[in-house]
Amino acid sequence: VHLLLFRSVEDIAGRRPGLVRPATTSRALAGARDLPGAARDAFGRIARAVEISLFGGRPIDAAAWEQCRTAYAELTVPRAWART
């Protein structure tokens, strides 16, 4: 899941140059108004899972992994980046 988070940040940086900076946190990106709602929502789900596991010490189970994979798939489709 952590790798999905890193990949998602790379995707965001590629689609919104200047938004991701060295000190930008996942939480800040998850709330960034410069992201379209669908992309923000998908990224937020991945970021929350990483926070829960990495900082909360809870393991990622198969269901959480699948939810993050689904969120990443949603993040990478062009319609997630369309302005509404």
PDB file of N, CA and C in Angstrom:
ATOM      1  N   VAL A   1       0.833  -1.184   0.000  1.00  0.00           N
ATOM      2  CA  VAL A   1       0.000   0.000   0.000  1.00  0.00           C
ATOM      3  C   VAL A   1       0.878   1.248   0.000  1.00  0.00           C
ATOM      4  N   HIS A   2       1.974   1.177   0.707  1.00  0.00           N
ATOM      5  CA  HIS A   2       2.896   2.308   0.740  1.00  0.00           C
ATOM      6  C   HIS A   2       3.448   2.579  -0.665  1.00  0.00           C
ATOM      7  N   LEU A   3       3.741   1.524  -1.399  1.00  0.00           N
ATOM      8  CA  LEU A   3       4.216   1.680  -2.767  1.00  0.00           C
ATOM      9  C   LEU A   3       3.137   2.318  -3.649  1.00  0.00           C
ATOM     10  N   LEU A   4       1.878   1.928  -3.454  1.00  0.00           N
ATOM     11  CA  LEU A   4       0.785   2.565  -4.190  1.00  0.00           C
ATOM     12  C   LEU A   4       0.716   4.054  -3.876  1.00  0.00           C
ATOM     13  N   LEU A   5       0.973   4.403  -2.631  1.00  0.00           N
ATOM     14  CA  LEU A   5       0.973   5.813  -2.248  1.00  0.00           C
ATOM     15  C   LEU A   5       2.080   6.566  -2.992  1.00  0.00           C
ATOM     16  N   PHE A   6       3.281   6.011  -3.009  1.00  0.00           N
ATOM     17  CA  PHE A   6       4.391   6.655  -3.716  1.00  0.00           C
ATOM     18  C   PHE A   6       4.074   6.816  -5.198  1.00  0.00           C
ATOM     19  N   ARG A   7       3.526   5.770  -5.779  1.00  0.00           N
ATOM     20  CA  ARG A   7       3.181   5.823  -7.201  1.00  0.00           C
ATOM     21  C   ARG A   7       2.090   6.868  -7.450  1.00  0.00           C
ATOM     22  N   SER A   8       1.140   6.951  -6.550  1.00  0.00           N
ATOM     23  CA  SER A   8       0.064   7.938  -6.676  1.00  0.00           C
ATOM     24  C   SER A   8       0.611   9.357  -6.614  1.00  0.00           C
ATOM     25  N   VAL A   9       1.560   9.583  -5.730  1.00  0.00           N
ATOM     26  CA  VAL A   9       2.182  10.911  -5.620  1.00  0.00           C
ATOM     27  C   VAL A   9       2.899  11.240  -6.929  1.00  0.00           C
ATOM     28  N   GLU A  10       3.578  10.270  -7.512  1.00  0.00           N
ATOM     29  CA  GLU A  10       4.232  10.484  -8.806  1.00  0.00           C
ATOM     30  C   GLU A  10       3.200  10.822  -9.877  1.00  0.00           C
ATOM     31  N   ASP A  11       2.077  10.123  -9.871  1.00  0.00           N
ATOM     32  CA  ASP A  11       1.018  10.404 -10.843  1.00  0.00           C
ATOM     33  C   ASP A  11       0.484  11.825 -10.676  1.00  0.00           C
ATOM     34  N   ILE A  12       0.279  12.223  -9.442  1.00  0.00           N
ATOM     35  CA  ILE A  12      -0.216  13.579  -9.172  1.00  0.00           C
ATOM     36  C   ILE A  12       0.798  14.610  -9.647  1.00  0.00           C
ATOM     37  N   ALA A  13       2.059  14.380  -9.344  1.00  0.00           N
ATOM     38  CA  ALA A  13       3.110  15.318  -9.758  1.00  0.00           C
ATOM     39  C   ALA A  13       3.165  15.440 -11.277  1.00  0.00           C
ATOM     40  N   GLY A  14       2.942  14.347 -11.962  1.00  0.00           N
ATOM     41  CA  GLY A  14       2.960  14.382 -13.415  1.00  0.00           C
ATOM     42  C   GLY A  14       1.766  15.110 -14.011  1.00  0.00           C
ATOM     43  N   ARG A  15       0.641  15.022 -13.349  1.00  0.00           N
ATOM     44  CA  ARG A  15      -0.581  15.640 -13.872  1.00  0.00           C
ATOM     45  C   ARG A  15      -0.802  17.067 -13.371  1.00  0.00           C
ATOM     46  N   ARG A  16      -0.233  17.378 -12.231  1.00  0.00           N
ATOM     47  CA  ARG A  16      -0.365  18.724 -11.659  1.00  0.00           C
ATOM     48  C   ARG A  16       1.014  19.225 -11.243  1.00  0.00           C
ATOM     49  N   PRO A  17       1.855  19.588 -12.236  1.00  0.00           N
ATOM     50  CA  PRO A  17       3.208  20.070 -11.917  1.00  0.00           C
ATOM     51  C   PRO A  17       3.159  21.227 -10.911  1.00  0.00           C
ATOM     52  N   GLY A  18       4.062  21.176  -9.958  1.00  0.00           N
ATOM     53  CA  GLY A  18       4.149  22.222  -8.944  1.00  0.00           C
ATOM     54  C   GLY A  18       3.335  21.945  -7.700  1.00  0.00           C
ATOM     55  N   LEU A  19       2.392  21.017  -7.769  1.00  0.00           N
ATOM     56  CA  LEU A  19       1.553  20.729  -6.597  1.00  0.00           C
ATOM     57  C   LEU A  19       2.327  19.935  -5.544  1.00  0.00           C
ATOM     58  N   VAL A  20       3.109  18.983  -5.985  1.00  0.00           N
ATOM     59  CA  VAL A  20       3.878  18.146  -5.059  1.00  0.00           C
ATOM     60  C   VAL A  20       5.250  18.774  -4.855  1.00  0.00           C
ATOM     61  N   ARG A  21       5.532  19.098  -3.618  1.00  0.00           N
ATOM     62  CA  ARG A  21       6.838  19.661  -3.255  1.00  0.00           C
ATOM     63  C   ARG A  21       7.483  18.742  -2.230  1.00  0.00           C
ATOM     64  N   PRO A  22       8.778  18.878  -1.973  1.00  0.00           N
ATOM     65  CA  PRO A  22       9.459  17.963  -1.058  1.00  0.00           C
ATOM     66  C   PRO A  22       8.794  17.828   0.318  1.00  0.00           C
ATOM     67  N   ALA A  23       8.227  18.885   0.853  1.00  0.00           N
ATOM     68  CA  ALA A  23       7.656  18.816   2.203  1.00  0.00           C
ATOM     69  C   ALA A  23       6.140  18.565   2.202  1.00  0.00           C
ATOM     70  N   THR A  24       5.559  18.333   1.032  1.00  0.00           N
ATOM     71  CA  THR A  24       4.122  18.110   0.964  1.00  0.00           C
ATOM     72  C   THR A  24       3.776  16.762   1.576  1.00  0.00           C
ATOM     73  N   THR A  25       2.826  16.760   2.488  1.00  0.00           N
ATOM     74  CA  THR A  25       2.401  15.514   3.121  1.00  0.00           C
ATOM     75  C   THR A  25       1.272  14.875   2.327  1.00  0.00           C
ATOM     76  N   SER A  26       1.087  13.600   2.553  1.00  0.00           N
ATOM     77  CA  SER A  26      -0.028  12.899   1.921  1.00  0.00           C
ATOM     78  C   SER A  26      -1.358  13.493   2.361  1.00  0.00           C
ATOM     79  N   ARG A  27      -1.442  13.858   3.596  1.00  0.00           N
ATOM     80  CA  ARG A  27      -2.676  14.457   4.116  1.00  0.00           C
ATOM     81  C   ARG A  27      -2.982  15.772   3.402  1.00  0.00           C
ATOM     82  N   ALA A  28      -1.941  16.576   3.169  1.00  0.00           N
ATOM     83  CA  ALA A  28      -2.133  17.836   2.452  1.00  0.00           C
ATOM     84  C   ALA A  28      -2.572  17.578   1.014  1.00  0.00           C
ATOM     85  N   LEU A  29      -1.963  16.597   0.362  1.00  0.00           N
ATOM     86  CA  LEU A  29      -2.365  16.267  -1.005  1.00  0.00           C
ATOM     87  C   LEU A  29      -3.799  15.750  -1.058  1.00  0.00           C
ATOM     88  N   ALA A  30      -4.181  14.962  -0.064  1.00  0.00           N
ATOM     89  CA  ALA A  30      -5.540  14.409  -0.032  1.00  0.00           C
ATOM     90  C   ALA A  30      -6.594  15.499   0.097  1.00  0.00           C
ATOM     91  N   GLY A  31      -6.199  16.658   0.578  1.00  0.00           N
ATOM     92  CA  GLY A  31      -7.137  17.760   0.718  1.00  0.00           C
ATOM     93  C   GLY A  31      -6.913  18.886  -0.278  1.00  0.00           C
ATOM     94  N   ALA A  32      -5.992  18.680  -1.210  1.00  0.00           N
ATOM     95  CA  ALA A  32      -5.634  19.732  -2.156  1.00  0.00           C
ATOM     96  C   ALA A  32      -6.799  20.066  -3.093  1.00  0.00           C
ATOM     97  N   ARG A  33      -7.194  21.301  -3.089  1.00  0.00           N
ATOM     98  CA  ARG A  33      -8.295  21.753  -3.950  1.00  0.00           C
ATOM     99  C   ARG A  33      -7.873  21.838  -5.415  1.00  0.00           C
ATOM    100  N   ASP A  34      -6.573  21.741  -5.691  1.00  0.00           N
ATOM    101  CA  ASP A  34      -6.098  21.735  -7.075  1.00  0.00           C
ATOM    102  C   ASP A  34      -6.305  20.385  -7.751  1.00  0.00           C
ATOM    103  N   LEU A  35      -6.713  19.388  -6.972  1.00  0.00           N
ATOM    104  CA  LEU A  35      -7.023  18.075  -7.548  1.00  0.00           C
ATOM    105  C   LEU A  35      -8.522  17.988  -7.810  1.00  0.00           C
ATOM    106  N   PRO A  36      -8.900  17.398  -8.936  1.00  0.00           N
ATOM    107  CA  PRO A  36     -10.322  17.158  -9.153  1.00  0.00           C
ATOM    108  C   PRO A  36     -10.863  16.226  -8.058  1.00  0.00           C
ATOM    109  N   GLY A  37     -12.139  16.335  -7.767  1.00  0.00           N
ATOM    110  CA  GLY A  37     -12.743  15.577  -6.677  1.00  0.00           C
ATOM    111  C   GLY A  37     -12.514  14.080  -6.744  1.00  0.00           C
ATOM    112  N   ALA A  38     -12.661  13.479  -7.930  1.00  0.00           N
ATOM    113  CA  ALA A  38     -12.489  12.024  -8.048  1.00  0.00           C
ATOM    114  C   ALA A  38     -11.056  11.612  -7.726  1.00  0.00           C
ATOM    115  N   ALA A  39     -10.090  12.367  -8.222  1.00  0.00           N
ATOM    116  CA  ALA A  39      -8.681  12.058  -7.946  1.00  0.00           C
ATOM    117  C   ALA A  39      -8.366  12.274  -6.470  1.00  0.00           C
ATOM    118  N   ARG A  40      -8.894  13.351  -5.907  1.00  0.00           N
ATOM    119  CA  ARG A  40      -8.665  13.655  -4.488  1.00  0.00           C
ATOM    120  C   ARG A  40      -9.235  12.548  -3.602  1.00  0.00           C
ATOM    121  N   ASP A  41     -10.440  12.097  -3.929  1.00  0.00           N
ATOM    122  CA  ASP A  41     -11.079  11.031  -3.145  1.00  0.00           C
ATOM    123  C   ASP A  41     -10.285   9.729  -3.225  1.00  0.00           C
ATOM    124  N   ALA A  42      -9.895   9.342  -4.434  1.00  0.00           N
ATOM    125  CA  ALA A  42      -9.138   8.097  -4.608  1.00  0.00           C
ATOM    126  C   ALA A  42      -7.808   8.160  -3.874  1.00  0.00           C
ATOM    127  N   PHE A  43      -7.088   9.271  -4.024  1.00  0.00           N
ATOM    128  CA  PHE A  43      -5.810   9.415  -3.337  1.00  0.00           C
ATOM    129  C   PHE A  43      -6.006   9.416  -1.824  1.00  0.00           C
ATOM    130  N   GLY A  44      -7.041  10.069  -1.362  1.00  0.00           N
ATOM    131  CA  GLY A  44      -7.310  10.126   0.081  1.00  0.00           C
ATOM    132  C   GLY A  44      -7.519   8.758   0.694  1.00  0.00           C
ATOM    133  N   ARG A  45      -8.180   7.879  -0.031  1.00  0.00           N
ATOM    134  CA  ARG A  45      -8.392   6.518   0.496  1.00  0.00           C
ATOM    135  C   ARG A  45      -7.070   5.773   0.645  1.00  0.00           C
ATOM    136  N   ILE A  46      -6.178   5.950  -0.306  1.00  0.00           N
ATOM    137  CA  ILE A  46      -4.860   5.307  -0.209  1.00  0.00           C
ATOM    138  C   ILE A  46      -4.069   5.921   0.941  1.00  0.00           C
ATOM    139  N   ALA A  47      -4.066   7.231   1.032  1.00  0.00           N
ATOM    140  CA  ALA A  47      -3.313   7.919   2.088  1.00  0.00           C
ATOM    141  C   ALA A  47      -3.793   7.504   3.474  1.00  0.00           C
ATOM    142  N   ARG A  48      -5.109   7.398   3.653  1.00  0.00           N
ATOM    143  CA  ARG A  48      -5.643   6.981   4.966  1.00  0.00           C
ATOM    144  C   ARG A  48      -5.198   5.571   5.326  1.00  0.00           C
ATOM    145  N   ALA A  49      -5.205   4.672   4.361  1.00  0.00           N
ATOM    146  CA  ALA A  49      -4.773   3.297   4.630  1.00  0.00           C
ATOM    147  C   ALA A  49      -3.308   3.267   5.052  1.00  0.00           C
ATOM    148  N   VAL A  50      -2.485   4.066   4.400  1.00  0.00           N
ATOM    149  CA  VAL A  50      -1.063   4.110   4.765  1.00  0.00           C
ATOM    150  C   VAL A  50      -0.895   4.702   6.161  1.00  0.00           C
ATOM    151  N   GLU A  51      -1.622   5.761   6.472  1.00  0.00           N
ATOM    152  CA  GLU A  51      -1.544   6.334   7.825  1.00  0.00           C
ATOM    153  C   GLU A  51      -1.917   5.314   8.879  1.00  0.00           C
ATOM    154  N   ILE A  52      -2.992   4.591   8.631  1.00  0.00           N
ATOM    155  CA  ILE A  52      -3.462   3.585   9.597  1.00  0.00           C
ATOM    156  C   ILE A  52      -2.424   2.488   9.799  1.00  0.00           C
ATOM    157  N   SER A  53      -1.805   2.056   8.698  1.00  0.00           N
ATOM    158  CA  SER A  53      -0.842   0.959   8.837  1.00  0.00           C
ATOM    159  C   SER A  53       0.529   1.442   9.289  1.00  0.00           C
ATOM    160  N   LEU A  54       1.039   2.469   8.635  1.00  0.00           N
ATOM    161  CA  LEU A  54       2.398   2.912   8.932  1.00  0.00           C
ATOM    162  C   LEU A  54       2.495   3.604  10.281  1.00  0.00           C
ATOM    163  N   PHE A  55       1.568   4.508  10.551  1.00  0.00           N
ATOM    164  CA  PHE A  55       1.633   5.273  11.794  1.00  0.00           C
ATOM    165  C   PHE A  55       0.739   4.708  12.889  1.00  0.00           C
ATOM    166  N   GLY A  56      -0.287   3.994  12.503  1.00  0.00           N
ATOM    167  CA  GLY A  56      -1.200   3.421  13.480  1.00  0.00           C
ATOM    168  C   GLY A  56      -0.836   2.007  13.894  1.00  0.00           C
ATOM    169  N   GLY A  57       0.088   1.401  13.162  1.00  0.00           N
ATOM    170  CA  GLY A  57       0.561   0.069  13.519  1.00  0.00           C
ATOM    171  C   GLY A  57      -0.404  -1.061  13.224  1.00  0.00           C
ATOM    172  N   ARG A  58      -1.448  -0.778  12.450  1.00  0.00           N
ATOM    173  CA  ARG A  58      -2.398  -1.837  12.111  1.00  0.00           C
ATOM    174  C   ARG A  58      -2.028  -2.453  10.766  1.00  0.00           C
ATOM    175  N   PRO A  59      -2.141  -3.758  10.656  1.00  0.00           N
ATOM    176  CA  PRO A  59      -1.783  -4.408   9.390  1.00  0.00           C
ATOM    177  C   PRO A  59      -2.823  -4.130   8.295  1.00  0.00           C
ATOM    178  N   ILE A  60      -2.358  -4.196   7.072  1.00  0.00           N
ATOM    179  CA  ILE A  60      -3.245  -4.095   5.919  1.00  0.00           C
ATOM    180  C   ILE A  60      -3.697  -5.512   5.584  1.00  0.00           C
ATOM    181  N   ASP A  61      -4.993  -5.738   5.639  1.00  0.00           N
ATOM    182  CA  ASP A  61      -5.505  -7.058   5.279  1.00  0.00           C
ATOM    183  C   ASP A  61      -5.864  -7.081   3.794  1.00  0.00           C
ATOM    184  N   ALA A  62      -6.322  -8.219   3.322  1.00  0.00           N
ATOM    185  CA  ALA A  62      -6.625  -8.385   1.902  1.00  0.00           C
ATOM    186  C   ALA A  62      -7.704  -7.404   1.442  1.00  0.00           C
ATOM    187  N   ALA A  63      -8.694  -7.169   2.260  1.00  0.00           N
ATOM    188  CA  ALA A  63      -9.772  -6.246   1.887  1.00  0.00           C
ATOM    189  C   ALA A  63      -9.252  -4.816   1.745  1.00  0.00           C
ATOM    190  N   ALA A  64      -8.412  -4.399   2.675  1.00  0.00           N
ATOM    191  CA  ALA A  64      -7.844  -3.049   2.603  1.00  0.00           C
ATOM    192  C   ALA A  64      -6.938  -2.909   1.383  1.00  0.00           C
ATOM    193  N   TRP A  65      -6.175  -3.951   1.094  1.00  0.00           N
ATOM    194  CA  TRP A  65      -5.318  -3.938  -0.088  1.00  0.00           C
ATOM    195  C   TRP A  65      -6.173  -3.775  -1.343  1.00  0.00           C
ATOM    196  N   GLU A  66      -7.239  -4.539  -1.450  1.00  0.00           N
ATOM    197  CA  GLU A  66      -8.112  -4.452  -2.629  1.00  0.00           C
ATOM    198  C   GLU A  66      -8.752  -3.070  -2.743  1.00  0.00           C
ATOM    199  N   GLN A  67      -9.133  -2.491  -1.620  1.00  0.00           N
ATOM    200  CA  GLN A  67      -9.704  -1.145  -1.646  1.00  0.00           C
ATOM    201  C   GLN A  67      -8.682  -0.134  -2.164  1.00  0.00           C
ATOM    202  N   CYS A  68      -7.446  -0.285  -1.747  1.00  0.00           N
ATOM    203  CA  CYS A  68      -6.390   0.621  -2.220  1.00  0.00           C
ATOM    204  C   CYS A  68      -6.080   0.394  -3.688  1.00  0.00           C
ATOM    205  N   ARG A  69      -6.081  -0.846  -4.126  1.00  0.00           N
ATOM    206  CA  ARG A  69      -5.857  -1.139  -5.549  1.00  0.00           C
ATOM    207  C   ARG A  69      -6.965  -0.524  -6.389  1.00  0.00           C
ATOM    208  N   THR A  70      -8.194  -0.638  -5.912  1.00  0.00           N
ATOM    209  CA  THR A  70      -9.327  -0.042  -6.616  1.00  0.00           C
ATOM    210  C   THR A  70      -9.184   1.477  -6.660  1.00  0.00           C
ATOM    211  N   ALA A  71      -8.803   2.061  -5.536  1.00  0.00           N
ATOM    212  CA  ALA A  71      -8.613   3.513  -5.478  1.00  0.00           C
ATOM    213  C   ALA A  71      -7.521   3.945  -6.450  1.00  0.00           C
ATOM    214  N   TYR A  72      -6.434   3.189  -6.518  1.00  0.00           N
ATOM    215  CA  TYR A  72      -5.360   3.544  -7.447  1.00  0.00           C
ATOM    216  C   TYR A  72      -5.843   3.441  -8.890  1.00  0.00           C
ATOM    217  N   ALA A  73      -6.589   2.401  -9.194  1.00  0.00           N
ATOM    218  CA  ALA A  73      -7.140   2.261 -10.549  1.00  0.00           C
ATOM    219  C   ALA A  73      -8.043   3.450 -10.883  1.00  0.00           C
ATOM    220  N   GLU A  74      -8.829   3.885  -9.923  1.00  0.00           N
ATOM    221  CA  GLU A  74      -9.698   5.047 -10.127  1.00  0.00           C
ATOM    222  C   GLU A  74      -8.871   6.320 -10.340  1.00  0.00           C
ATOM    223  N   LEU A  75      -7.774   6.430  -9.624  1.00  0.00           N
ATOM    224  CA  LEU A  75      -6.908   7.609  -9.726  1.00  0.00           C
ATOM    225  C   LEU A  75      -6.256   7.723 -11.100  1.00  0.00           C
ATOM    226  N   THR A  76      -5.991   6.613 -11.729  1.00  0.00           N
ATOM    227  CA  THR A  76      -5.202   6.637 -12.960  1.00  0.00           C
ATOM    228  C   THR A  76      -6.029   6.775 -14.234  1.00  0.00           C
ATOM    229  N   VAL A  77      -7.334   6.733 -14.152  1.00  0.00           N
ATOM    230  CA  VAL A  77      -8.138   6.881 -15.366  1.00  0.00           C
ATOM    231  C   VAL A  77      -8.325   8.365 -15.690  1.00  0.00           C
ATOM    232  N   PRO A  78      -8.339   8.693 -16.975  1.00  0.00           N
ATOM    233  CA  PRO A  78      -8.467  10.114 -17.353  1.00  0.00           C
ATOM    234  C   PRO A  78      -9.673  10.828 -16.762  1.00  0.00           C
ATOM    235  N   ARG A  79     -10.794  10.145 -16.623  1.00  0.00           N
ATOM    236  CA  ARG A  79     -11.983  10.838 -16.107  1.00  0.00           C
ATOM    237  C   ARG A  79     -11.799  11.327 -14.656  1.00  0.00           C
ATOM    238  N   ALA A  80     -10.879  10.725 -13.912  1.00  0.00           N
ATOM    239  CA  ALA A  80     -10.609  11.183 -12.544  1.00  0.00           C
ATOM    240  C   ALA A  80      -9.960  12.557 -12.546  1.00  0.00           C
ATOM    241  N   TRP A  81      -9.391  12.938 -13.671  1.00  0.00           N
ATOM    242  CA  TRP A  81      -8.670  14.211 -13.768  1.00  0.00           C
ATOM    243  C   TRP A  81      -9.461  15.301 -14.485  1.00  0.00           C
ATOM    244  N   ALA A  82     -10.675  14.946 -14.879  1.00  0.00           N
ATOM    245  CA  ALA A  82     -11.519  15.933 -15.545  1.00  0.00           C
ATOM    246  C   ALA A  82     -12.052  16.911 -14.506  1.00  0.00           C
ATOM    247  N   ARG A  83     -12.036  18.147 -14.847  1.00  0.00           N
ATOM    248  CA  ARG A  83     -12.592  19.184 -13.948  1.00  0.00           C
ATOM    249  C   ARG A  83     -14.104  19.109 -14.032  1.00  0.00           C
ATOM    250  N   THR A  84     -14.736  19.141 -12.874  1.00  0.00           N
ATOM    251  CA  THR A  84     -16.212  19.118 -12.868  1.00  0.00           C
ATOM    252  C   THR A  84     -16.772  20.455 -12.460  1.00  0.00           C
TER     253      THR A  84
END
